Amino acid sequence: MTPPPRSVHPERPRSGRSAAGANPSPLAIACFVGLVLALGVAGWSASAKKKAAPDREGAPGPPAPAVDPFADLPPEKAPTAPKGMGRIQETNRAPAGLLDDPRWIGAVQIAQDAYALRDLAEDAKASDDFPSFSSKAVAARESFGRALDASRAFEDRIIDQYGEDDRQVMQVARERNKWIDLRAKYRKVKAGQ
């Protein structure tokens, strides 16, 4: 078999189509450019309308009348606090010399010694004397513990007798809470540290 003869026209491809048909026509290019421009103009006008819309809405108009939705409800008094949530009313049911009880005075003297030890511990800590600080802090912690132990039964008795809202009972509770906080301050300090 012999191969087919070559085409005499070099501008024509073998497929039989003309080479000029492979390039887009100027009319197709013009239509495409026109379509792109039309879409661009339409997008621009839509965004311009969108930007202008809030301006028209924000334009000053007649003010709307103020409507009070609660106008038809009767006035009510303020709610009362549930029991235990309101401010405590202090009373004076305990006798005047309650804090002169020997058990309370003994506990206060132990606590005064503990305060002195706490001050010595803080001074030692400030001067970077950590062995002295740890020994004084442990002694202060133990003294606050002894003061709490000495006053526990007294506090329980006066709470049962006069209630928690008595002024003198509250004073005892506040003082004991200070001792608890100061004992807890040194809870991690160990002797000989």
N, C-alpha and C. Protein backbone atom coordinates (compact mmCIF):
# COMPACT_ATOMS: atom_id res chain seq x y z
N MET A 1 0.78 -1.16 0.00
CA MET A 1 0.00 0.00 0.00
C MET A 1 0.84 1.25 0.00
N THR A 2 0.34 2.11 -0.76
CA THR A 2 1.08 3.36 -0.88
C THR A 2 0.39 4.43 -0.05
N PRO A 3 1.15 5.27 0.55
CA PRO A 3 0.55 6.34 1.38
C PRO A 3 -0.19 7.33 0.52
N PRO A 4 -1.23 7.96 1.10
CA PRO A 4 -1.99 8.94 0.32
C PRO A 4 -1.12 10.14 0.00
N PRO A 5 -1.39 10.79 -1.07
CA PRO A 5 -0.55 11.93 -1.44
C PRO A 5 -0.78 13.09 -0.48
N ARG A 6 0.23 13.85 -0.31
CA ARG A 6 0.15 15.02 0.56
C ARG A 6 -0.65 16.10 -0.10
N SER A 7 -1.25 16.88 0.82
CA SER A 7 -2.12 17.95 0.32
C SER A 7 -1.27 19.04 -0.30
N VAL A 8 -1.81 19.61 -1.33
CA VAL A 8 -1.11 20.66 -2.03
C VAL A 8 -1.27 21.98 -1.29
N HIS A 9 -2.33 22.12 -0.47
CA HIS A 9 -2.59 23.36 0.28
C HIS A 9 -2.05 23.22 1.70
N PRO A 10 -0.92 23.84 2.05
CA PRO A 10 -0.32 23.67 3.38
C PRO A 10 -1.13 24.35 4.50
N GLU A 11 -1.98 25.35 4.19
CA GLU A 11 -2.73 26.03 5.24
C GLU A 11 -3.91 25.20 5.71
N ARG A 12 -4.27 24.19 5.04
CA ARG A 12 -5.37 23.32 5.44
C ARG A 12 -4.82 22.16 6.23
N PRO A 13 -5.41 21.92 7.41
CA PRO A 13 -4.99 20.75 8.17
C PRO A 13 -5.56 19.49 7.55
N ARG A 14 -5.13 18.38 8.01
CA ARG A 14 -5.54 17.10 7.47
C ARG A 14 -6.99 16.78 7.80
N SER A 15 -7.53 17.43 8.83
CA SER A 15 -8.90 17.11 9.22
C SER A 15 -9.90 17.64 8.23
N GLY A 16 -9.51 18.48 7.39
CA GLY A 16 -10.40 19.00 6.38
C GLY A 16 -10.95 20.35 6.73
N ARG A 17 -10.71 20.82 7.94
CA ARG A 17 -11.18 22.16 8.31
C ARG A 17 -10.17 23.19 7.87
N SER A 18 -10.69 24.36 7.66
CA SER A 18 -9.75 25.40 7.25
C SER A 18 -9.07 25.98 8.49
N ALA A 19 -7.87 26.49 8.34
CA ALA A 19 -7.10 27.06 9.44
C ALA A 19 -7.76 28.31 9.95
N ALA A 20 -8.48 29.06 9.12
CA ALA A 20 -9.14 30.28 9.54
C ALA A 20 -10.29 29.95 10.46
N GLY A 21 -10.91 28.81 10.39
CA GLY A 21 -12.02 28.41 11.25
C GLY A 21 -11.56 28.13 12.68
N ALA A 22 -10.31 27.90 12.94
CA ALA A 22 -9.81 27.61 14.28
C ALA A 22 -9.74 28.88 15.11
N ASN A 23 -9.60 30.05 14.57
CA ASN A 23 -9.54 31.31 15.30
C ASN A 23 -10.95 31.86 15.48
N PRO A 24 -11.25 32.49 16.64
CA PRO A 24 -12.60 33.06 16.82
C PRO A 24 -12.80 34.24 15.90
N SER A 25 -14.00 34.43 15.55
CA SER A 25 -14.31 35.52 14.63
C SER A 25 -14.34 36.84 15.40
N PRO A 26 -14.10 37.95 14.72
CA PRO A 26 -14.17 39.26 15.40
C PRO A 26 -15.55 39.53 15.98
N LEU A 27 -16.57 39.02 15.39
CA LEU A 27 -17.92 39.21 15.91
C LEU A 27 -18.08 38.51 17.26
N ALA A 28 -17.54 37.31 17.43
CA ALA A 28 -17.61 36.58 18.70
C ALA A 28 -16.84 37.31 19.78
N ILE A 29 -15.68 37.87 19.44
CA ILE A 29 -14.88 38.62 20.41
C ILE A 29 -15.65 39.86 20.86
N ALA A 30 -16.27 40.56 19.91
CA ALA A 30 -17.03 41.76 20.26
C ALA A 30 -18.21 41.42 21.16
N CYS A 31 -18.87 40.30 20.91
CA CYS A 31 -20.00 39.88 21.75
C CYS A 31 -19.51 39.55 23.16
N PHE A 32 -18.38 38.87 23.26
CA PHE A 32 -17.85 38.52 24.57
C PHE A 32 -17.47 39.76 25.37
N VAL A 33 -16.78 40.70 24.75
CA VAL A 33 -16.40 41.96 25.42
C VAL A 33 -17.65 42.72 25.85
N GLY A 34 -18.66 42.77 25.00
CA GLY A 34 -19.91 43.45 25.34
C GLY A 34 -20.58 42.80 26.54
N LEU A 35 -20.57 41.46 26.58
CA LEU A 35 -21.17 40.74 27.69
C LEU A 35 -20.44 41.03 28.99
N VAL A 36 -19.12 41.04 28.98
CA VAL A 36 -18.33 41.34 30.18
C VAL A 36 -18.61 42.75 30.66
N LEU A 37 -18.66 43.73 29.73
CA LEU A 37 -18.95 45.11 30.11
C LEU A 37 -20.36 45.24 30.70
N ALA A 38 -21.33 44.55 30.10
CA ALA A 38 -22.71 44.62 30.61
C ALA A 38 -22.79 44.05 32.01
N LEU A 39 -22.11 42.94 32.28
CA LEU A 39 -22.11 42.37 33.62
C LEU A 39 -21.42 43.29 34.63
N GLY A 40 -20.35 43.92 34.23
CA GLY A 40 -19.64 44.86 35.11
C GLY A 40 -20.50 46.05 35.47
N VAL A 41 -21.19 46.61 34.46
CA VAL A 41 -22.06 47.77 34.71
C VAL A 41 -23.22 47.36 35.61
N ALA A 42 -23.79 46.18 35.41
CA ALA A 42 -24.91 45.72 36.23
C ALA A 42 -24.46 45.51 37.67
N GLY A 43 -23.28 44.95 37.89
CA GLY A 43 -22.76 44.76 39.24
C GLY A 43 -22.49 46.08 39.93
N TRP A 44 -21.93 47.03 39.18
CA TRP A 44 -21.65 48.34 39.74
C TRP A 44 -22.93 49.04 40.15
N SER A 45 -23.95 48.98 39.32
CA SER A 45 -25.21 49.67 39.65
C SER A 45 -25.90 48.99 40.83
N ALA A 46 -25.79 47.68 40.94
CA ALA A 46 -26.39 46.98 42.08
C ALA A 46 -25.70 47.37 43.38
N SER A 47 -24.38 47.47 43.37
CA SER A 47 -23.66 47.86 44.59
C SER A 47 -23.93 49.31 44.94
N ALA A 48 -24.09 50.17 43.93
CA ALA A 48 -24.41 51.58 44.20
C ALA A 48 -25.79 51.69 44.84
N LYS A 49 -26.75 50.89 44.37
CA LYS A 49 -28.09 50.91 44.96
C LYS A 49 -28.04 50.40 46.39
N LYS A 50 -27.23 49.39 46.63
CA LYS A 50 -27.13 48.81 47.96
C LYS A 50 -26.54 49.82 48.95
N LYS A 51 -25.54 50.58 48.50
CA LYS A 51 -24.92 51.59 49.36
C LYS A 51 -25.88 52.74 49.61
N ALA A 52 -26.67 53.07 48.66
CA ALA A 52 -27.59 54.20 48.80
C ALA A 52 -28.81 53.84 49.64
N ALA A 53 -29.15 52.58 49.75
CA ALA A 53 -30.34 52.15 50.50
C ALA A 53 -30.26 52.54 51.98
N PRO A 54 -29.16 52.32 52.71
CA PRO A 54 -29.13 52.72 54.11
C PRO A 54 -29.24 54.23 54.27
N ASP A 55 -28.72 54.99 53.30
CA ASP A 55 -28.82 56.44 53.40
C ASP A 55 -30.28 56.88 53.37
N ARG A 56 -31.07 56.24 52.55
CA ARG A 56 -32.48 56.60 52.48
C ARG A 56 -33.21 56.17 53.75
N GLU A 57 -32.82 55.00 54.31
CA GLU A 57 -33.47 54.54 55.52
C GLU A 57 -33.11 55.40 56.72
N GLY A 58 -31.89 55.90 56.79
CA GLY A 58 -31.43 56.71 57.91
C GLY A 58 -31.85 58.15 57.81
N ALA A 59 -32.56 58.51 56.76
CA ALA A 59 -32.99 59.90 56.60
C ALA A 59 -33.97 60.23 57.72
N PRO A 60 -33.84 61.46 58.26
CA PRO A 60 -34.72 61.82 59.36
C PRO A 60 -36.17 61.89 58.89
N GLY A 61 -37.01 61.29 59.68
CA GLY A 61 -38.43 61.30 59.39
C GLY A 61 -39.16 61.68 60.66
N PRO A 62 -40.42 61.57 60.66
CA PRO A 62 -41.14 61.91 61.88
C PRO A 62 -40.79 60.91 62.98
N PRO A 63 -40.56 61.38 64.20
CA PRO A 63 -40.18 60.45 65.28
C PRO A 63 -41.35 59.53 65.63
N ALA A 64 -41.00 58.30 65.94
CA ALA A 64 -42.02 57.32 66.31
C ALA A 64 -42.48 57.61 67.73
N PRO A 65 -43.74 57.46 68.02
CA PRO A 65 -44.21 57.73 69.37
C PRO A 65 -43.65 56.69 70.34
N ALA A 66 -43.27 57.13 71.54
CA ALA A 66 -42.71 56.24 72.54
C ALA A 66 -43.84 55.41 73.15
N VAL A 67 -43.63 54.11 73.12
CA VAL A 67 -44.65 53.20 73.64
C VAL A 67 -44.08 52.52 74.87
N ASP A 68 -44.79 52.61 75.99
CA ASP A 68 -44.39 51.96 77.22
C ASP A 68 -45.18 50.67 77.35
N PRO A 69 -44.54 49.50 77.17
CA PRO A 69 -45.29 48.25 77.21
C PRO A 69 -45.80 47.90 78.62
N PHE A 70 -45.27 48.58 79.64
CA PHE A 70 -45.67 48.27 81.01
C PHE A 70 -46.61 49.32 81.59
N ALA A 71 -47.15 50.20 80.77
CA ALA A 71 -47.99 51.29 81.26
C ALA A 71 -49.26 50.79 81.91
N ASP A 72 -49.81 49.69 81.45
CA ASP A 72 -51.08 49.22 82.00
C ASP A 72 -50.91 48.31 83.22
N LEU A 73 -49.67 48.05 83.66
CA LEU A 73 -49.44 47.21 84.84
C LEU A 73 -49.44 48.07 86.10
N PRO A 74 -49.98 47.56 87.20
CA PRO A 74 -49.97 48.34 88.45
C PRO A 74 -48.56 48.34 89.04
N PRO A 75 -48.20 49.40 89.77
CA PRO A 75 -46.87 49.42 90.39
C PRO A 75 -46.80 48.37 91.50
N GLU A 76 -45.63 47.79 91.64
CA GLU A 76 -45.49 46.77 92.67
C GLU A 76 -44.34 47.14 93.58
N LYS A 77 -44.38 46.61 94.77
CA LYS A 77 -43.32 46.92 95.72
C LYS A 77 -42.12 46.00 95.46
N ALA A 78 -40.98 46.42 95.93
CA ALA A 78 -39.74 45.68 95.69
C ALA A 78 -39.82 44.32 96.37
N PRO A 79 -39.25 43.31 95.72
CA PRO A 79 -39.30 41.98 96.33
C PRO A 79 -38.43 41.92 97.58
N THR A 80 -38.83 41.11 98.50
CA THR A 80 -38.04 40.94 99.72
C THR A 80 -37.02 39.84 99.47
N ALA A 81 -35.90 39.96 100.13
CA ALA A 81 -34.83 38.97 99.98
C ALA A 81 -35.23 37.69 100.68
N PRO A 82 -34.89 36.55 100.09
CA PRO A 82 -35.19 35.29 100.77
C PRO A 82 -34.40 35.20 102.08
N LYS A 83 -34.88 34.39 102.98
CA LYS A 83 -34.23 34.25 104.27
C LYS A 83 -32.78 33.79 104.08
N GLY A 84 -31.88 34.48 104.71
CA GLY A 84 -30.47 34.14 104.61
C GLY A 84 -29.75 34.91 103.52
N MET A 85 -30.50 35.60 102.66
CA MET A 85 -29.87 36.32 101.55
C MET A 85 -29.78 37.82 101.83
N GLY A 86 -30.61 38.33 102.71
CA GLY A 86 -30.62 39.75 103.00
C GLY A 86 -29.53 40.13 103.98
N ARG A 87 -29.47 41.38 104.31
CA ARG A 87 -28.50 41.86 105.28
C ARG A 87 -28.91 41.37 106.66
N ILE A 88 -27.95 40.95 107.44
CA ILE A 88 -28.24 40.40 108.75
C ILE A 88 -28.56 41.54 109.72
N GLN A 89 -29.70 41.41 110.39
CA GLN A 89 -30.06 42.35 111.44
C GLN A 89 -29.35 41.93 112.71
N GLU A 90 -28.50 42.78 113.23
CA GLU A 90 -27.79 42.46 114.45
C GLU A 90 -28.72 42.71 115.64
N THR A 91 -28.59 41.85 116.65
CA THR A 91 -29.39 42.00 117.85
C THR A 91 -28.48 42.13 119.06
N ASN A 92 -29.05 42.42 120.19
CA ASN A 92 -28.30 42.53 121.45
C ASN A 92 -28.94 41.64 122.50
N ARG A 93 -29.07 40.37 122.21
CA ARG A 93 -29.69 39.46 123.16
C ARG A 93 -28.71 38.99 124.24
N ALA A 94 -27.42 38.97 123.93
CA ALA A 94 -26.43 38.49 124.89
C ALA A 94 -26.19 39.56 125.97
N PRO A 95 -25.84 39.13 127.16
CA PRO A 95 -25.56 40.10 128.23
C PRO A 95 -24.30 40.91 127.91
N ALA A 96 -24.18 42.06 128.51
CA ALA A 96 -23.11 43.00 128.20
C ALA A 96 -21.71 42.44 128.43
N GLY A 97 -21.48 41.63 129.43
CA GLY A 97 -20.13 41.15 129.75
C GLY A 97 -19.82 39.79 129.16
N LEU A 98 -20.45 39.42 128.05
CA LEU A 98 -20.27 38.10 127.46
C LEU A 98 -18.81 37.84 127.08
N LEU A 99 -18.14 38.83 126.57
CA LEU A 99 -16.77 38.65 126.09
C LEU A 99 -15.75 38.67 127.24
N ASP A 100 -16.23 38.81 128.47
CA ASP A 100 -15.34 38.74 129.64
C ASP A 100 -15.27 37.33 130.19
N ASP A 101 -15.82 36.37 129.50
CA ASP A 101 -15.78 34.97 129.91
C ASP A 101 -14.32 34.51 129.94
N PRO A 102 -13.91 33.79 130.98
CA PRO A 102 -12.51 33.36 131.10
C PRO A 102 -12.04 32.49 129.94
N ARG A 103 -12.94 31.67 129.38
CA ARG A 103 -12.53 30.83 128.23
C ARG A 103 -12.19 31.70 127.02
N TRP A 104 -12.98 32.73 126.77
CA TRP A 104 -12.72 33.61 125.64
C TRP A 104 -11.46 34.43 125.88
N ILE A 105 -11.29 34.94 127.08
CA ILE A 105 -10.10 35.74 127.39
C ILE A 105 -8.84 34.89 127.25
N GLY A 106 -8.88 33.63 127.69
CA GLY A 106 -7.73 32.73 127.54
C GLY A 106 -7.41 32.49 126.07
N ALA A 107 -8.43 32.30 125.25
CA ALA A 107 -8.21 32.07 123.82
C ALA A 107 -7.63 33.33 123.16
N VAL A 108 -8.10 34.49 123.57
CA VAL A 108 -7.57 35.75 123.01
C VAL A 108 -6.10 35.92 123.39
N GLN A 109 -5.72 35.55 124.62
CA GLN A 109 -4.31 35.66 125.03
C GLN A 109 -3.42 34.70 124.21
N ILE A 110 -3.92 33.50 123.97
CA ILE A 110 -3.16 32.57 123.12
C ILE A 110 -3.01 33.15 121.72
N ALA A 111 -4.07 33.77 121.21
CA ALA A 111 -4.02 34.37 119.86
C ALA A 111 -3.07 35.55 119.82
N GLN A 112 -2.98 36.32 120.93
CA GLN A 112 -2.03 37.44 120.95
C GLN A 112 -0.59 36.93 120.86
N ASP A 113 -0.32 35.82 121.54
CA ASP A 113 1.01 35.20 121.42
C ASP A 113 1.25 34.75 119.98
N ALA A 114 0.21 34.21 119.35
CA ALA A 114 0.33 33.76 117.96
C ALA A 114 0.58 34.94 117.03
N TYR A 115 -0.07 36.08 117.29
CA TYR A 115 0.17 37.29 116.48
C TYR A 115 1.63 37.73 116.61
N ALA A 116 2.18 37.66 117.84
CA ALA A 116 3.58 38.05 118.04
C ALA A 116 4.50 37.11 117.27
N LEU A 117 4.22 35.81 117.31
CA LEU A 117 5.03 34.85 116.55
C LEU A 117 4.92 35.09 115.06
N ARG A 118 3.70 35.45 114.59
CA ARG A 118 3.51 35.74 113.16
C ARG A 118 4.35 36.94 112.75
N ASP A 119 4.37 37.99 113.60
CA ASP A 119 5.18 39.17 113.28
C ASP A 119 6.67 38.82 113.21
N LEU A 120 7.14 37.99 114.15
CA LEU A 120 8.55 37.56 114.12
C LEU A 120 8.84 36.74 112.86
N ALA A 121 7.90 35.91 112.46
CA ALA A 121 8.08 35.09 111.25
C ALA A 121 8.16 35.98 110.01
N GLU A 122 7.31 36.98 109.94
CA GLU A 122 7.32 37.88 108.78
C GLU A 122 8.60 38.71 108.74
N ASP A 123 9.10 39.12 109.90
CA ASP A 123 10.36 39.86 109.94
C ASP A 123 11.51 38.97 109.47
N ALA A 124 11.52 37.71 109.91
CA ALA A 124 12.56 36.78 109.48
C ALA A 124 12.49 36.52 107.99
N LYS A 125 11.28 36.44 107.48
CA LYS A 125 11.12 36.23 106.04
C LYS A 125 11.63 37.43 105.25
N ALA A 126 11.38 38.63 105.76
CA ALA A 126 11.83 39.85 105.08
C ALA A 126 13.35 39.95 105.08
N SER A 127 14.00 39.41 106.10
CA SER A 127 15.47 39.47 106.17
C SER A 127 16.11 38.21 105.59
N ASP A 128 15.34 37.39 104.89
CA ASP A 128 15.82 36.16 104.23
C ASP A 128 16.41 35.15 105.21
N ASP A 129 15.91 35.13 106.44
CA ASP A 129 16.31 34.15 107.43
C ASP A 129 15.25 33.05 107.42
N PHE A 130 15.34 32.15 106.45
CA PHE A 130 14.29 31.16 106.24
C PHE A 130 14.20 30.10 107.33
N PRO A 131 15.28 29.67 107.95
CA PRO A 131 15.12 28.72 109.07
C PRO A 131 14.33 29.33 110.23
N SER A 132 14.64 30.58 110.55
CA SER A 132 13.91 31.25 111.63
C SER A 132 12.45 31.49 111.22
N PHE A 133 12.27 31.85 109.95
CA PHE A 133 10.90 32.06 109.45
C PHE A 133 10.07 30.80 109.60
N SER A 134 10.62 29.66 109.18
CA SER A 134 9.83 28.43 109.23
C SER A 134 9.51 28.04 110.66
N SER A 135 10.47 28.18 111.57
CA SER A 135 10.18 27.80 112.96
C SER A 135 9.15 28.73 113.59
N LYS A 136 9.24 30.02 113.33
CA LYS A 136 8.28 30.98 113.89
C LYS A 136 6.91 30.82 113.22
N ALA A 137 6.87 30.55 111.94
CA ALA A 137 5.60 30.37 111.24
C ALA A 137 4.88 29.12 111.73
N VAL A 138 5.63 28.04 111.96
CA VAL A 138 5.02 26.81 112.48
C VAL A 138 4.49 27.05 113.89
N ALA A 139 5.25 27.79 114.71
CA ALA A 139 4.81 28.09 116.08
C ALA A 139 3.56 28.97 116.05
N ALA A 140 3.51 29.93 115.13
CA ALA A 140 2.32 30.80 115.02
C ALA A 140 1.12 29.97 114.58
N ARG A 141 1.31 29.08 113.61
CA ARG A 141 0.22 28.23 113.14
C ARG A 141 -0.33 27.36 114.28
N GLU A 142 0.57 26.79 115.06
CA GLU A 142 0.12 25.95 116.17
C GLU A 142 -0.58 26.77 117.25
N SER A 143 -0.10 28.00 117.50
CA SER A 143 -0.74 28.86 118.50
C SER A 143 -2.13 29.28 118.05
N PHE A 144 -2.29 29.60 116.78
CA PHE A 144 -3.63 29.93 116.27
C PHE A 144 -4.55 28.71 116.39
N GLY A 145 -4.01 27.53 116.16
CA GLY A 145 -4.79 26.30 116.32
C GLY A 145 -5.23 26.10 117.77
N ARG A 146 -4.32 26.37 118.74
CA ARG A 146 -4.68 26.24 120.15
C ARG A 146 -5.75 27.27 120.53
N ALA A 147 -5.62 28.49 120.01
CA ALA A 147 -6.63 29.52 120.31
C ALA A 147 -7.99 29.11 119.75
N LEU A 148 -8.01 28.52 118.57
CA LEU A 148 -9.27 28.05 117.98
C LEU A 148 -9.86 26.91 118.80
N ASP A 149 -9.00 25.98 119.23
CA ASP A 149 -9.50 24.87 120.04
C ASP A 149 -10.06 25.35 121.37
N ALA A 150 -9.39 26.35 121.98
CA ALA A 150 -9.82 26.86 123.28
C ALA A 150 -11.13 27.63 123.18
N SER A 151 -11.44 28.19 122.02
CA SER A 151 -12.65 29.02 121.89
C SER A 151 -13.80 28.32 121.17
N ARG A 152 -13.58 27.13 120.67
CA ARG A 152 -14.63 26.45 119.89
C ARG A 152 -15.88 26.17 120.72
N ALA A 153 -15.71 25.61 121.88
CA ALA A 153 -16.87 25.27 122.72
C ALA A 153 -17.59 26.54 123.16
N PHE A 154 -16.82 27.59 123.46
CA PHE A 154 -17.43 28.86 123.88
C PHE A 154 -18.29 29.43 122.75
N GLU A 155 -17.76 29.43 121.52
CA GLU A 155 -18.52 29.96 120.39
C GLU A 155 -19.79 29.13 120.15
N ASP A 156 -19.66 27.83 120.19
CA ASP A 156 -20.84 26.98 119.97
C ASP A 156 -21.92 27.25 121.01
N ARG A 157 -21.52 27.42 122.28
CA ARG A 157 -22.48 27.65 123.35
C ARG A 157 -23.20 28.99 123.17
N ILE A 158 -22.46 30.05 122.84
CA ILE A 158 -23.13 31.36 122.73
C ILE A 158 -23.98 31.45 121.47
N ILE A 159 -23.61 30.73 120.41
CA ILE A 159 -24.46 30.69 119.21
C ILE A 159 -25.78 30.00 119.55
N ASP A 160 -25.69 28.89 120.27
CA ASP A 160 -26.92 28.18 120.67
C ASP A 160 -27.78 29.03 121.60
N GLN A 161 -27.12 29.79 122.49
CA GLN A 161 -27.85 30.55 123.48
C GLN A 161 -28.44 31.85 122.93
N TYR A 162 -27.66 32.59 122.12
CA TYR A 162 -28.06 33.94 121.72
C TYR A 162 -28.28 34.10 120.22
N GLY A 163 -27.94 33.10 119.43
CA GLY A 163 -28.13 33.17 117.98
C GLY A 163 -26.92 33.78 117.27
N GLU A 164 -26.85 33.52 115.97
CA GLU A 164 -25.71 34.00 115.18
C GLU A 164 -25.75 35.48 114.89
N ASP A 165 -26.90 36.12 115.03
CA ASP A 165 -27.02 37.52 114.67
C ASP A 165 -26.82 38.48 115.83
N ASP A 166 -26.39 37.98 117.00
CA ASP A 166 -26.07 38.84 118.13
C ASP A 166 -24.73 39.52 117.87
N ARG A 167 -24.63 40.78 118.27
CA ARG A 167 -23.41 41.56 117.99
C ARG A 167 -22.16 40.93 118.60
N GLN A 168 -22.25 40.51 119.84
CA GLN A 168 -21.07 39.94 120.51
C GLN A 168 -20.72 38.57 119.93
N VAL A 169 -21.73 37.80 119.58
CA VAL A 169 -21.49 36.50 118.96
C VAL A 169 -20.81 36.70 117.60
N MET A 170 -21.27 37.69 116.86
CA MET A 170 -20.65 37.97 115.56
C MET A 170 -19.21 38.44 115.73
N GLN A 171 -18.93 39.18 116.78
CA GLN A 171 -17.56 39.62 117.04
C GLN A 171 -16.65 38.42 117.32
N VAL A 172 -17.14 37.47 118.10
CA VAL A 172 -16.37 36.25 118.37
C VAL A 172 -16.14 35.48 117.07
N ALA A 173 -17.18 35.36 116.24
CA ALA A 173 -17.05 34.63 114.97
C ALA A 173 -16.06 35.31 114.04
N ARG A 174 -16.10 36.64 113.97
CA ARG A 174 -15.15 37.37 113.10
C ARG A 174 -13.71 37.14 113.56
N GLU A 175 -13.49 37.22 114.89
CA GLU A 175 -12.13 37.04 115.42
C GLU A 175 -11.64 35.61 115.15
N ARG A 176 -12.49 34.64 115.36
CA ARG A 176 -12.09 33.25 115.10
C ARG A 176 -11.83 33.03 113.61
N ASN A 177 -12.58 33.69 112.73
CA ASN A 177 -12.33 33.56 111.28
C ASN A 177 -10.97 34.13 110.91
N LYS A 178 -10.56 35.22 111.57
CA LYS A 178 -9.21 35.76 111.33
C LYS A 178 -8.16 34.73 111.72
N TRP A 179 -8.37 34.08 112.85
CA TRP A 179 -7.41 33.08 113.31
C TRP A 179 -7.34 31.91 112.33
N ILE A 180 -8.48 31.52 111.81
CA ILE A 180 -8.52 30.43 110.82
C ILE A 180 -7.73 30.82 109.58
N ASP A 181 -7.92 32.05 109.11
CA ASP A 181 -7.20 32.52 107.91
C ASP A 181 -5.70 32.58 108.16
N LEU A 182 -5.29 33.07 109.34
CA LEU A 182 -3.86 33.18 109.63
C LEU A 182 -3.23 31.80 109.81
N ARG A 183 -3.96 30.86 110.40
CA ARG A 183 -3.44 29.50 110.51
C ARG A 183 -3.28 28.89 109.12
N ALA A 184 -4.25 29.15 108.23
CA ALA A 184 -4.19 28.60 106.87
C ALA A 184 -3.05 29.22 106.07
N LYS A 185 -2.68 30.46 106.40
CA LYS A 185 -1.59 31.13 105.67
C LYS A 185 -0.29 30.35 105.79
N TYR A 186 -0.07 29.74 106.93
CA TYR A 186 1.19 29.01 107.17
C TYR A 186 1.00 27.51 107.11
N ARG A 187 -0.05 27.02 106.48
CA ARG A 187 -0.34 25.58 106.49
C ARG A 187 0.71 24.76 105.73
N LYS A 188 1.40 25.36 104.77
CA LYS A 188 2.36 24.60 103.98
C LYS A 188 3.79 24.72 104.50
N VAL A 189 3.98 25.57 105.51
CA VAL A 189 5.33 25.76 106.05
C VAL A 189 5.63 24.58 106.98
N LYS A 190 6.82 24.01 106.79
CA LYS A 190 7.23 22.88 107.61
C LYS A 190 8.38 23.30 108.51
N ALA A 191 8.47 22.71 109.67
CA ALA A 191 9.56 23.03 110.62
C ALA A 191 10.89 22.61 110.01
N GLY A 192 11.90 23.45 110.20
CA GLY A 192 13.24 23.15 109.70
C GLY A 192 13.40 23.33 108.21
N GLN A 193 12.54 24.09 107.60
CA GLN A 193 12.60 24.30 106.15
C GLN A 193 13.68 25.26 105.78
